[in-house]
């Protein structure tokens, strides 16, 4: 019986989400992350199914290939995940303004 995407651990779920958001096939992502083309697709498939989890170095290369912060792949907080996806496409000025806004908000 196949696992639903929602029942997967965080890393596989986020990796698949980011890959689809980027519009990459599993093979394309693997190759962009520096995996051997002959194992790129099966390896990414194993990561997305939760069969294997990559070493941190590999996860960082995957994140770089996807244009996202590696933290996105590990957060189980959906709101933080959305922020991290947007963060990657923001300019430095936009990031500074967002941080100022957050710092100005009252703590609860």
Protein backbone atom coordinates (compact mmCIF):
# COMPACT_ATOMS: atom_id res chain seq x y z
CA UNK A 1 0.00 0.00 0.00
CA UNK A 2 1.44 3.37 -1.00
CA UNK A 3 1.86 6.12 1.57
CA UNK A 4 -0.02 9.34 1.00
CA UNK A 5 2.17 12.41 0.65
CA UNK A 6 0.78 13.80 3.94
CA UNK A 7 1.82 10.69 5.87
CA UNK A 8 5.44 10.92 4.74
CA UNK A 9 8.15 12.25 7.05
CA UNK A 10 9.04 15.91 6.63
CA UNK A 11 12.11 15.60 4.39
CA UNK A 12 10.52 13.44 1.65
CA UNK A 13 7.38 15.56 1.63
CA UNK A 14 9.26 18.86 1.39
CA UNK A 15 11.68 17.56 -1.25
CA UNK A 16 8.83 16.47 -3.50
CA UNK A 17 6.99 19.75 -2.89
CA UNK A 18 10.07 21.82 -3.80
CA UNK A 19 10.90 19.70 -6.85
CA UNK A 20 7.40 20.05 -8.24
CA UNK A 21 7.39 23.78 -7.45
CA UNK A 22 10.64 24.10 -9.45
CA UNK A 23 9.19 22.04 -12.31
CA UNK A 24 12.01 19.46 -12.30
CA UNK A 25 11.76 15.76 -12.98
CA UNK A 26 13.42 13.50 -10.43
CA UNK A 27 16.26 12.81 -12.85
CA UNK A 28 16.79 16.49 -13.64
CA UNK A 29 16.97 17.39 -9.96
CA UNK A 30 19.43 14.60 -9.27
CA UNK A 31 21.69 15.65 -12.12
CA UNK A 32 21.53 19.34 -11.10
CA UNK A 33 22.52 18.28 -7.57
CA UNK A 34 25.57 16.46 -8.90
CA UNK A 35 24.34 12.87 -8.81
CA UNK A 36 25.48 10.42 -11.47
CA UNK A 37 22.90 10.55 -14.31
CA UNK A 38 22.44 6.77 -14.15
CA UNK A 39 21.27 6.86 -10.52
CA UNK A 40 19.78 10.37 -10.35
CA UNK A 41 16.13 9.43 -10.84
CA UNK A 42 16.07 6.32 -8.61
CA UNK A 43 17.97 8.12 -5.84
CA UNK A 44 15.59 11.12 -5.80
CA UNK A 45 12.68 8.67 -5.88
CA UNK A 46 14.07 6.92 -2.80
CA UNK A 47 14.48 10.25 -1.01
CA UNK A 48 10.91 11.28 -1.88
CA UNK A 49 9.45 7.97 -0.73
CA UNK A 50 11.38 8.15 2.54
CA UNK A 51 13.25 4.93 1.79
CA UNK A 52 16.57 6.74 2.27
CA UNK A 53 17.50 10.16 3.59
CA UNK A 54 20.51 11.90 2.09
CA UNK A 55 23.51 13.09 4.05
CA UNK A 56 23.37 16.77 4.97
CA UNK A 57 25.89 17.63 2.23
CA UNK A 58 23.64 16.03 -0.40
CA UNK A 59 20.54 17.72 1.03
CA UNK A 60 22.33 21.07 0.75
CA UNK A 61 23.19 20.37 -2.90
CA UNK A 62 19.55 19.43 -3.56
CA UNK A 63 18.38 22.67 -1.94
CA UNK A 64 20.89 24.68 -3.96
CA UNK A 65 19.73 22.99 -7.18
CA UNK A 66 16.14 23.84 -6.23
CA UNK A 67 17.02 27.44 -5.32
CA UNK A 68 15.70 27.11 -1.77
CA UNK A 69 17.19 27.28 1.72
CA UNK A 70 18.08 23.80 3.00
CA UNK A 71 16.00 24.58 6.10
CA UNK A 72 12.88 24.24 3.93
CA UNK A 73 13.56 20.52 3.55
CA UNK A 74 13.54 19.98 7.30
CA UNK A 75 10.78 22.21 8.68
CA UNK A 76 7.53 20.62 9.71
CA UNK A 77 5.92 24.06 10.13
CA UNK A 78 3.84 24.79 7.00
CA UNK A 79 3.88 28.56 7.54
CA UNK A 80 7.64 28.63 7.92
CA UNK A 81 7.94 26.44 4.82
CA UNK A 82 5.94 28.98 2.80
CA UNK A 83 8.15 31.78 4.09
CA UNK A 84 11.32 29.86 3.21
CA UNK A 85 10.09 29.23 -0.34
CA UNK A 86 9.43 32.94 -0.79
CA UNK A 87 12.68 33.93 0.95
CA UNK A 88 14.75 32.39 -1.82
CA UNK A 89 13.19 34.67 -4.44
CA UNK A 90 13.31 37.89 -2.40
CA UNK A 91 15.84 40.66 -2.89
CA UNK A 92 18.17 41.62 -0.05
CA UNK A 93 16.13 44.78 0.46
CA UNK A 94 12.89 42.81 0.69
CA UNK A 95 14.51 40.47 3.21
CA UNK A 96 15.71 43.41 5.31
CA UNK A 97 12.23 44.97 5.26
CA UNK A 98 10.62 41.70 6.28
CA UNK A 99 13.07 41.24 9.16
CA UNK A 100 12.39 44.81 10.33
CA UNK A 101 8.65 44.13 10.22
CA UNK A 102 9.07 40.94 12.24
CA UNK A 103 11.34 42.62 14.78
CA UNK A 104 8.82 45.45 15.21
CA UNK A 105 5.96 43.04 15.93
CA UNK A 106 5.14 42.61 19.61
CA UNK A 107 6.18 39.28 21.10
CA UNK A 108 3.52 37.06 22.57
